[in-house]
Amino acid sequence: MAHYTPVVETIIATHCHDVRQIEQTLDGLLDFCGYEQVLLLYRRLCRHYFDIDPAASKR
């Protein structure tokens, strides 16, 4: 989680639209979604991604 928190925070704070980076981060977070704090990060990033590509974030 320590690795992903600053990554997610930066993506959101900079309004990053780099789909590849967002998807890679989401994929990495999936490995740790058994932890509530990571799940919260995942959800935050999904909400950010939804604003960029609603269809992709629903898959």
Protein backbone atom coordinates (compact mmCIF):
# COMPACT_ATOMS: atom_id res chain seq x y z
CA MET A 1 0.00 0.00 0.00
CA ALA A 2 2.84 2.38 0.77
CA HIS A 3 3.91 2.12 -2.86
CA TYR A 4 0.48 2.77 -4.36
CA THR A 5 -0.79 5.60 -2.15
CA PRO A 6 1.47 8.30 -3.64
CA VAL A 7 0.90 6.95 -7.15
CA VAL A 8 -2.88 7.15 -6.81
CA GLU A 9 -2.69 10.55 -5.09
CA THR A 10 -0.51 11.93 -7.90
CA ILE A 11 -2.76 10.56 -10.65
CA ILE A 12 -5.79 12.18 -9.05
CA ALA A 13 -4.11 15.46 -8.02
CA THR A 14 -2.64 16.05 -11.48
CA HIS A 15 -5.86 15.04 -13.25
CA CYS A 16 -3.83 12.47 -15.15
CA HIS A 17 -5.53 11.09 -18.26
CA ASP A 18 -2.83 8.53 -19.05
CA VAL A 19 -5.08 5.50 -19.46
CA ARG A 20 -2.16 3.09 -19.55
CA GLN A 21 -0.77 4.35 -16.23
CA ILE A 22 -4.20 4.30 -14.61
CA GLU A 23 -4.95 0.77 -15.82
CA GLN A 24 -1.55 -0.52 -14.70
CA THR A 25 -2.08 1.01 -11.28
CA LEU A 26 -5.55 -0.52 -11.01
CA ASP A 27 -4.14 -3.91 -12.01
CA GLY A 28 -1.46 -3.65 -9.35
CA LEU A 29 -3.97 -2.63 -6.70
CA LEU A 30 -6.07 -5.72 -7.45
CA ASP A 31 -3.34 -7.87 -5.93
CA PHE A 32 -3.97 -6.22 -2.56
CA CYS A 33 -7.73 -5.57 -2.59
CA GLY A 34 -8.14 -7.88 0.41
CA TYR A 35 -6.95 -4.93 2.48
CA GLU A 36 -9.54 -2.27 3.15
CA GLN A 37 -7.16 0.69 2.70
CA VAL A 38 -6.09 -0.62 -0.71
CA LEU A 39 -9.70 -1.19 -1.69
CA LEU A 40 -10.42 2.45 -0.84
CA LEU A 41 -7.53 3.55 -3.09
CA TYR A 42 -8.84 1.29 -5.85
CA ARG A 43 -12.31 2.82 -5.58
CA ARG A 44 -10.92 6.37 -5.63
CA LEU A 45 -8.92 5.63 -8.75
CA CYS A 46 -11.92 3.96 -10.40
CA ARG A 47 -13.99 7.10 -9.79
CA HIS A 48 -11.23 9.19 -11.37
CA TYR A 49 -11.03 6.78 -14.32
CA PHE A 50 -14.81 6.87 -14.76
CA ASP A 51 -14.61 10.60 -15.52
CA ILE A 52 -12.06 9.85 -18.25
CA ASP A 53 -13.58 6.73 -19.81
CA PRO A 54 -16.93 5.62 -18.36
CA ALA A 55 -17.15 2.54 -20.59
CA ALA A 56 -13.70 1.23 -19.65
CA SER A 57 -14.17 1.73 -15.93
CA LYS A 58 -17.30 -0.45 -15.97
CA ARG A 59 -15.55 -3.47 -17.50
